[in-house]
Amino acid sequence: MGFLYFLLIGAAAGWIAGKLMKGGGFGFFLNVALGIVGGFVGGWVFGFLNIDLGMGVLTGQLITAVVGAVILLFVAGLFKK
């Protein structure tokens, strides 16, 4: 059940990140995949910077995954050009 929860948070984060990024990202399915990977990236970045959101589990994980997905979409956009 934890894996499904992880996938749902990542999918939501990818969708949100696609809406936040100028140009809409790379389409729904790739944005969702980047959101799932973005959860790992966001967790690593927040851990590296020693940032603790101190929010509820769902909110904190979603924000972390969105930040990671936005970072990934930005970097992927650099290669897209």
PDB file of N, CA and C in Angstrom:
ATOM      1  N   MET A   1       0.821  -1.199   0.000  1.00  0.00           N
ATOM      2  CA  MET A   1       0.000   0.000   0.000  1.00  0.00           C
ATOM      3  C   MET A   1       0.866   1.264   0.000  1.00  0.00           C
ATOM      4  N   GLY A   2       2.035   1.203   0.633  1.00  0.00           N
ATOM      5  CA  GLY A   2       2.928   2.352   0.678  1.00  0.00           C
ATOM      6  C   GLY A   2       3.436   2.731  -0.701  1.00  0.00           C
ATOM      7  N   PHE A   3       3.685   1.724  -1.552  1.00  0.00           N
ATOM      8  CA  PHE A   3       4.174   1.986  -2.900  1.00  0.00           C
ATOM      9  C   PHE A   3       3.109   2.696  -3.731  1.00  0.00           C
ATOM     10  N   LEU A   4       1.865   2.291  -3.591  1.00  0.00           N
ATOM     11  CA  LEU A   4       0.766   2.936  -4.306  1.00  0.00           C
ATOM     12  C   LEU A   4       0.617   4.389  -3.849  1.00  0.00           C
ATOM     13  N   TYR A   5       0.741   4.612  -2.553  1.00  0.00           N
ATOM     14  CA  TYR A   5       0.686   5.964  -1.992  1.00  0.00           C
ATOM     15  C   TYR A   5       1.806   6.816  -2.583  1.00  0.00           C
ATOM     16  N   PHE A   6       3.005   6.255  -2.670  1.00  0.00           N
ATOM     17  CA  PHE A   6       4.158   6.943  -3.243  1.00  0.00           C
ATOM     18  C   PHE A   6       3.896   7.319  -4.697  1.00  0.00           C
ATOM     19  N   LEU A   7       3.334   6.400  -5.464  1.00  0.00           N
ATOM     20  CA  LEU A   7       3.023   6.666  -6.866  1.00  0.00           C
ATOM     21  C   LEU A   7       1.966   7.760  -7.019  1.00  0.00           C
ATOM     22  N   LEU A   8       0.962   7.753  -6.159  1.00  0.00           N
ATOM     23  CA  LEU A   8      -0.093   8.763  -6.233  1.00  0.00           C
ATOM     24  C   LEU A   8       0.439  10.154  -5.886  1.00  0.00           C
ATOM     25  N   ILE A   9       1.286  10.240  -4.865  1.00  0.00           N
ATOM     26  CA  ILE A   9       1.896  11.529  -4.506  1.00  0.00           C
ATOM     27  C   ILE A   9       2.772  12.020  -5.655  1.00  0.00           C
ATOM     28  N   GLY A  10       3.579  11.132  -6.223  1.00  0.00           N
ATOM     29  CA  GLY A  10       4.438  11.506  -7.340  1.00  0.00           C
ATOM     30  C   GLY A  10       3.650  11.930  -8.560  1.00  0.00           C
ATOM     31  N   ALA A  11       2.560  11.232  -8.834  1.00  0.00           N
ATOM     32  CA  ALA A  11       1.724  11.581  -9.981  1.00  0.00           C
ATOM     33  C   ALA A  11       1.105  12.960  -9.795  1.00  0.00           C
ATOM     34  N   ALA A  12       0.593  13.221  -8.612  1.00  0.00           N
ATOM     35  CA  ALA A  12       0.012  14.538  -8.326  1.00  0.00           C
ATOM     36  C   ALA A  12       1.083  15.626  -8.410  1.00  0.00           C
ATOM     37  N   ALA A  13       2.261  15.334  -7.900  1.00  0.00           N
ATOM     38  CA  ALA A  13       3.353  16.308  -7.940  1.00  0.00           C
ATOM     39  C   ALA A  13       3.763  16.606  -9.373  1.00  0.00           C
ATOM     40  N   GLY A  14       3.840  15.597 -10.206  1.00  0.00           N
ATOM     41  CA  GLY A  14       4.182  15.805 -11.613  1.00  0.00           C
ATOM     42  C   GLY A  14       3.155  16.635 -12.345  1.00  0.00           C
ATOM     43  N   TRP A  15       1.895  16.392 -12.051  1.00  0.00           N
ATOM     44  CA  TRP A  15       0.828  17.159 -12.676  1.00  0.00           C
ATOM     45  C   TRP A  15       0.905  18.620 -12.243  1.00  0.00           C
ATOM     46  N   ILE A  16       1.092  18.857 -10.933  1.00  0.00           N
ATOM     47  CA  ILE A  16       1.190  20.224 -10.408  1.00  0.00           C
ATOM     48  C   ILE A  16       2.417  20.922 -10.986  1.00  0.00           C
ATOM     49  N   ALA A  17       3.542  20.230 -11.016  1.00  0.00           N
ATOM     50  CA  ALA A  17       4.770  20.828 -11.554  1.00  0.00           C
ATOM     51  C   ALA A  17       4.595  21.183 -13.027  1.00  0.00           C
ATOM     52  N   GLY A  18       3.907  20.345 -13.784  1.00  0.00           N
ATOM     53  CA  GLY A  18       3.641  20.639 -15.189  1.00  0.00           C
ATOM     54  C   GLY A  18       2.800  21.892 -15.352  1.00  0.00           C
ATOM     55  N   LYS A  19       1.877  22.119 -14.423  1.00  0.00           N
ATOM     56  CA  LYS A  19       1.049  23.333 -14.462  1.00  0.00           C
ATOM     57  C   LYS A  19       1.853  24.562 -14.057  1.00  0.00           C
ATOM     58  N   LEU A  20       2.821  24.384 -13.140  1.00  0.00           N
ATOM     59  CA  LEU A  20       3.622  25.512 -12.662  1.00  0.00           C
ATOM     60  C   LEU A  20       4.669  25.966 -13.666  1.00  0.00           C
ATOM     61  N   MET A  21       5.198  25.031 -14.417  1.00  0.00           N
ATOM     62  CA  MET A  21       6.282  25.356 -15.352  1.00  0.00           C
ATOM     63  C   MET A  21       5.719  26.024 -16.598  1.00  0.00           C
ATOM     64  N   LYS A  22       6.431  27.015 -17.084  1.00  0.00           N
ATOM     65  CA  LYS A  22       6.021  27.715 -18.296  1.00  0.00           C
ATOM     66  C   LYS A  22       6.059  26.750 -19.470  1.00  0.00           C
ATOM     67  N   GLY A  23       5.017  26.704 -20.227  1.00  0.00           N
ATOM     68  CA  GLY A  23       4.954  25.815 -21.373  1.00  0.00           C
ATOM     69  C   GLY A  23       4.317  24.477 -21.041  1.00  0.00           C
ATOM     70  N   GLY A  24       3.964  24.217 -19.799  1.00  0.00           N
ATOM     71  CA  GLY A  24       3.252  23.003 -19.430  1.00  0.00           C
ATOM     72  C   GLY A  24       4.088  21.758 -19.323  1.00  0.00           C
ATOM     73  N   GLY A  25       5.392  21.856 -19.405  1.00  0.00           N
ATOM     74  CA  GLY A  25       6.223  20.671 -19.233  1.00  0.00           C
ATOM     75  C   GLY A  25       6.264  19.830 -20.497  1.00  0.00           C
ATOM     76  N   PHE A  26       6.130  18.520 -20.332  1.00  0.00           N
ATOM     77  CA  PHE A  26       6.326  17.579 -21.441  1.00  0.00           C
ATOM     78  C   PHE A  26       5.099  16.731 -21.744  1.00  0.00           C
ATOM     79  N   GLY A  27       3.965  17.117 -21.260  1.00  0.00           N
ATOM     80  CA  GLY A  27       2.778  16.314 -21.451  1.00  0.00           C
ATOM     81  C   GLY A  27       2.446  15.555 -20.175  1.00  0.00           C
ATOM     82  N   PHE A  28       1.222  15.119 -20.079  1.00  0.00           N
ATOM     83  CA  PHE A  28       0.718  14.551 -18.832  1.00  0.00           C
ATOM     84  C   PHE A  28       1.528  13.354 -18.347  1.00  0.00           C
ATOM     85  N   PHE A  29       1.749  12.360 -19.186  1.00  0.00           N
ATOM     86  CA  PHE A  29       2.378  11.115 -18.727  1.00  0.00           C
ATOM     87  C   PHE A  29       3.845  11.302 -18.350  1.00  0.00           C
ATOM     88  N   LEU A  30       4.571  12.087 -19.129  1.00  0.00           N
ATOM     89  CA  LEU A  30       5.974  12.330 -18.785  1.00  0.00           C
ATOM     90  C   LEU A  30       6.083  13.210 -17.549  1.00  0.00           C
ATOM     91  N   ASN A  31       5.170  14.168 -17.387  1.00  0.00           N
ATOM     92  CA  ASN A  31       5.163  14.981 -16.174  1.00  0.00           C
ATOM     93  C   ASN A  31       4.892  14.128 -14.937  1.00  0.00           C
ATOM     94  N   VAL A  32       3.998  13.171 -15.052  1.00  0.00           N
ATOM     95  CA  VAL A  32       3.707  12.267 -13.936  1.00  0.00           C
ATOM     96  C   VAL A  32       4.939  11.430 -13.608  1.00  0.00           C
ATOM     97  N   ALA A  33       5.601  10.907 -14.629  1.00  0.00           N
ATOM     98  CA  ALA A  33       6.821  10.120 -14.397  1.00  0.00           C
ATOM     99  C   ALA A  33       7.901  10.982 -13.748  1.00  0.00           C
ATOM    100  N   LEU A  34       8.046  12.224 -14.217  1.00  0.00           N
ATOM    101  CA  LEU A  34       9.018  13.123 -13.612  1.00  0.00           C
ATOM    102  C   LEU A  34       8.620  13.485 -12.184  1.00  0.00           C
ATOM    103  N   GLY A  35       7.347  13.530 -11.892  1.00  0.00           N
ATOM    104  CA  GLY A  35       6.883  13.780 -10.528  1.00  0.00           C
ATOM    105  C   GLY A  35       7.255  12.650  -9.586  1.00  0.00           C
ATOM    106  N   ILE A  36       7.170  11.431 -10.063  1.00  0.00           N
ATOM    107  CA  ILE A  36       7.537  10.276  -9.249  1.00  0.00           C
ATOM    108  C   ILE A  36       9.034  10.316  -8.943  1.00  0.00           C
ATOM    109  N   VAL A  37       9.839  10.568  -9.962  1.00  0.00           N
ATOM    110  CA  VAL A  37      11.281  10.692  -9.751  1.00  0.00           C
ATOM    111  C   VAL A  37      11.587  11.965  -8.952  1.00  0.00           C
ATOM    112  N   GLY A  38      10.783  12.989  -9.160  1.00  0.00           N
ATOM    113  CA  GLY A  38      10.951  14.244  -8.435  1.00  0.00           C
ATOM    114  C   GLY A  38      10.796  14.096  -6.931  1.00  0.00           C
ATOM    115  N   GLY A  39      10.026  13.110  -6.503  1.00  0.00           N
ATOM    116  CA  GLY A  39       9.915  12.842  -5.074  1.00  0.00           C
ATOM    117  C   GLY A  39      11.265  12.485  -4.474  1.00  0.00           C
ATOM    118  N   PHE A  40      12.033  11.697  -5.200  1.00  0.00           N
ATOM    119  CA  PHE A  40      13.385  11.349  -4.747  1.00  0.00           C
ATOM    120  C   PHE A  40      14.301  12.571  -4.783  1.00  0.00           C
ATOM    121  N   VAL A  41      14.220  13.324  -5.868  1.00  0.00           N
ATOM    122  CA  VAL A  41      15.078  14.502  -6.018  1.00  0.00           C
ATOM    123  C   VAL A  41      14.752  15.545  -4.935  1.00  0.00           C
ATOM    124  N   GLY A  42      13.477  15.804  -4.732  1.00  0.00           N
ATOM    125  CA  GLY A  42      13.071  16.762  -3.701  1.00  0.00           C
ATOM    126  C   GLY A  42      13.502  16.320  -2.312  1.00  0.00           C
ATOM    127  N   GLY A  43      13.370  15.033  -2.026  1.00  0.00           N
ATOM    128  CA  GLY A  43      13.816  14.509  -0.740  1.00  0.00           C
ATOM    129  C   GLY A  43      15.311  14.679  -0.554  1.00  0.00           C
ATOM    130  N   TRP A  44      16.070  14.447  -1.616  1.00  0.00           N
ATOM    131  CA  TRP A  44      17.512  14.605  -1.544  1.00  0.00           C
ATOM    132  C   TRP A  44      17.899  16.076  -1.346  1.00  0.00           C
ATOM    133  N   VAL A  45      17.264  16.973  -2.123  1.00  0.00           N
ATOM    134  CA  VAL A  45      17.576  18.399  -2.024  1.00  0.00           C
ATOM    135  C   VAL A  45      17.218  18.928  -0.635  1.00  0.00           C
ATOM    136  N   PHE A  46      16.035  18.587  -0.138  1.00  0.00           N
ATOM    137  CA  PHE A  46      15.625  19.071   1.181  1.00  0.00           C
ATOM    138  C   PHE A  46      16.523  18.495   2.266  1.00  0.00           C
ATOM    139  N   GLY A  47      16.920  17.248   2.126  1.00  0.00           N
ATOM    140  CA  GLY A  47      17.833  16.641   3.085  1.00  0.00           C
ATOM    141  C   GLY A  47      19.200  17.283   3.046  1.00  0.00           C
ATOM    142  N   PHE A  48      19.695  17.566   1.851  1.00  0.00           N
ATOM    143  CA  PHE A  48      21.000  18.202   1.680  1.00  0.00           C
ATOM    144  C   PHE A  48      21.015  19.598   2.288  1.00  0.00           C
ATOM    145  N   LEU A  49      19.919  20.325   2.097  1.00  0.00           N
ATOM    146  CA  LEU A  49      19.815  21.682   2.629  1.00  0.00           C
ATOM    147  C   LEU A  49      19.308  21.712   4.070  1.00  0.00           C
ATOM    148  N   ASN A  50      19.031  20.535   4.622  1.00  0.00           N
ATOM    149  CA  ASN A  50      18.543  20.392   5.998  1.00  0.00           C
ATOM    150  C   ASN A  50      17.238  21.165   6.211  1.00  0.00           C
ATOM    151  N   ILE A  51      16.320  21.023   5.274  1.00  0.00           N
ATOM    152  CA  ILE A  51      15.019  21.682   5.344  1.00  0.00           C
ATOM    153  C   ILE A  51      13.986  20.679   5.840  1.00  0.00           C
ATOM    154  N   ASP A  52      13.279  21.064   6.885  1.00  0.00           N
ATOM    155  CA  ASP A  52      12.186  20.250   7.409  1.00  0.00           C
ATOM    156  C   ASP A  52      10.926  21.100   7.349  1.00  0.00           C
ATOM    157  N   LEU A  53       9.959  20.670   6.568  1.00  0.00           N
ATOM    158  CA  LEU A  53       8.750  21.462   6.384  1.00  0.00           C
ATOM    159  C   LEU A  53       7.888  21.513   7.627  1.00  0.00           C
ATOM    160  N   GLY A  54       7.952  20.499   8.462  1.00  0.00           N
ATOM    161  CA  GLY A  54       7.192  20.489   9.706  1.00  0.00           C
ATOM    162  C   GLY A  54       5.689  20.505   9.506  1.00  0.00           C
ATOM    163  N   MET A  55       5.227  20.053   8.366  1.00  0.00           N
ATOM    164  CA  MET A  55       3.797  20.024   8.060  1.00  0.00           C
ATOM    165  C   MET A  55       3.297  18.598   8.203  1.00  0.00           C
ATOM    166  N   GLY A  56       2.060  18.404   7.904  1.00  0.00           N
ATOM    167  CA  GLY A  56       1.511  17.059   7.902  1.00  0.00           C
ATOM    168  C   GLY A  56       2.202  16.192   6.877  1.00  0.00           C
ATOM    169  N   VAL A  57       2.053  14.909   7.022  1.00  0.00           N
ATOM    170  CA  VAL A  57       2.757  13.969   6.154  1.00  0.00           C
ATOM    171  C   VAL A  57       2.387  14.185   4.691  1.00  0.00           C
ATOM    172  N   LEU A  58       1.130  14.260   4.388  1.00  0.00           N
ATOM    173  CA  LEU A  58       0.694  14.398   2.993  1.00  0.00           C
ATOM    174  C   LEU A  58       1.164  15.718   2.394  1.00  0.00           C
ATOM    175  N   THR A  59       0.955  16.798   3.100  1.00  0.00           N
ATOM    176  CA  THR A  59       1.331  18.115   2.590  1.00  0.00           C
ATOM    177  C   THR A  59       2.834  18.225   2.396  1.00  0.00           C
ATOM    178  N   GLY A  60       3.598  17.798   3.374  1.00  0.00           N
ATOM    179  CA  GLY A  60       5.053  17.866   3.285  1.00  0.00           C
ATOM    180  C   GLY A  60       5.609  17.029   2.150  1.00  0.00           C
ATOM    181  N   GLN A  61       5.081  15.821   1.993  1.00  0.00           N
ATOM    182  CA  GLN A  61       5.550  14.955   0.915  1.00  0.00           C
ATOM    183  C   GLN A  61       5.163  15.515  -0.443  1.00  0.00           C
ATOM    184  N   LEU A  62       3.981  16.077  -0.543  1.00  0.00           N
ATOM    185  CA  LEU A  62       3.540  16.637  -1.818  1.00  0.00           C
ATOM    186  C   LEU A  62       4.387  17.845  -2.198  1.00  0.00           C
ATOM    187  N   ILE A  63       4.667  18.721  -1.255  1.00  0.00           N
ATOM    188  CA  ILE A  63       5.498  19.894  -1.539  1.00  0.00           C
ATOM    189  C   ILE A  63       6.905  19.463  -1.931  1.00  0.00           C
ATOM    190  N   THR A  64       7.455  18.497  -1.204  1.00  0.00           N
ATOM    191  CA  THR A  64       8.788  17.992  -1.518  1.00  0.00           C
ATOM    192  C   THR A  64       8.837  17.416  -2.924  1.00  0.00           C
ATOM    193  N   ALA A  65       7.843  16.625  -3.286  1.00  0.00           N
ATOM    194  CA  ALA A  65       7.803  16.012  -4.615  1.00  0.00           C
ATOM    195  C   ALA A  65       7.595  17.056  -5.701  1.00  0.00           C
ATOM    196  N   VAL A  66       6.787  18.065  -5.438  1.00  0.00           N
ATOM    197  CA  VAL A  66       6.560  19.126  -6.434  1.00  0.00           C
ATOM    198  C   VAL A  66       7.852  19.899  -6.680  1.00  0.00           C
ATOM    199  N   VAL A  67       8.576  20.227  -5.606  1.00  0.00           N
ATOM    200  CA  VAL A  67       9.842  20.940  -5.765  1.00  0.00           C
ATOM    201  C   VAL A  67      10.816  20.099  -6.592  1.00  0.00           C
ATOM    202  N   GLY A  68      10.910  18.817  -6.277  1.00  0.00           N
ATOM    203  CA  GLY A  68      11.789  17.936  -7.041  1.00  0.00           C
ATOM    204  C   GLY A  68      11.374  17.821  -8.495  1.00  0.00           C
ATOM    205  N   ALA A  69      10.074  17.731  -8.742  1.00  0.00           N
ATOM    206  CA  ALA A  69       9.589  17.627 -10.118  1.00  0.00           C
ATOM    207  C   ALA A  69       9.834  18.915 -10.893  1.00  0.00           C
ATOM    208  N   VAL A  70       9.684  20.063 -10.244  1.00  0.00           N
ATOM    209  CA  VAL A  70       9.954  21.340 -10.909  1.00  0.00           C
ATOM    210  C   VAL A  70      11.433  21.416 -11.276  1.00  0.00           C
ATOM    211  N   ILE A  71      12.300  20.979 -10.367  1.00  0.00           N
ATOM    212  CA  ILE A  71      13.737  20.959 -10.663  1.00  0.00           C
ATOM    213  C   ILE A  71      14.012  20.064 -11.868  1.00  0.00           C
ATOM    214  N   LEU A  72      13.422  18.876 -11.875  1.00  0.00           N
ATOM    215  CA  LEU A  72      13.626  17.962 -13.003  1.00  0.00           C
ATOM    216  C   LEU A  72      13.078  18.520 -14.306  1.00  0.00           C
ATOM    217  N   LEU A  73      11.902  19.128 -14.262  1.00  0.00           N
ATOM    218  CA  LEU A  73      11.335  19.716 -15.474  1.00  0.00           C
ATOM    219  C   LEU A  73      12.190  20.864 -15.976  1.00  0.00           C
ATOM    220  N   PHE A  74      12.753  21.637 -15.077  1.00  0.00           N
ATOM    221  CA  PHE A  74      13.645  22.729 -15.484  1.00  0.00           C
ATOM    222  C   PHE A  74      14.884  22.186 -16.174  1.00  0.00           C
ATOM    223  N   VAL A  75      15.513  21.187 -15.557  1.00  0.00           N
ATOM    224  CA  VAL A  75      16.724  20.605 -16.134  1.00  0.00           C
ATOM    225  C   VAL A  75      16.408  19.915 -17.471  1.00  0.00           C
ATOM    226  N   ALA A  76      15.299  19.180 -17.522  1.00  0.00           N
ATOM    227  CA  ALA A  76      14.912  18.521 -18.764  1.00  0.00           C
ATOM    228  C   ALA A  76      14.595  19.542 -19.843  1.00  0.00           C
ATOM    229  N   GLY A  77      14.033  20.691 -19.461  1.00  0.00           N
ATOM    230  CA  GLY A  77      13.753  21.749 -20.422  1.00  0.00           C
ATOM    231  C   GLY A  77      15.009  22.350 -21.017  1.00  0.00           C
ATOM    232  N   LEU A  78      16.089  22.337 -20.256  1.00  0.00           N
ATOM    233  CA  LEU A  78      17.362  22.831 -20.776  1.00  0.00           C
ATOM    234  C   LEU A  78      17.864  21.941 -21.901  1.00  0.00           C
ATOM    235  N   PHE A  79      17.626  20.630 -21.774  1.00  0.00           N
ATOM    236  CA  PHE A  79      18.063  19.685 -22.801  1.00  0.00           C
ATOM    237  C   PHE A  79      17.093  19.626 -23.982  1.00  0.00           C
ATOM    238  N   LYS A  80      15.869  20.034 -23.761  1.00  0.00           N
ATOM    239  CA  LYS A  80      14.851  19.992 -24.801  1.00  0.00           C
ATOM    240  C   LYS A  80      15.118  21.020 -25.893  1.00  0.00           C
ATOM    241  N   LYS A  81      15.735  22.128 -25.522  1.00  0.00           N
ATOM    242  CA  LYS A  81      15.984  23.220 -26.469  1.00  0.00           C
ATOM    243  C   LYS A  81      17.019  22.838 -27.433  1.00  0.00           C
TER     244      LYS A  81
END
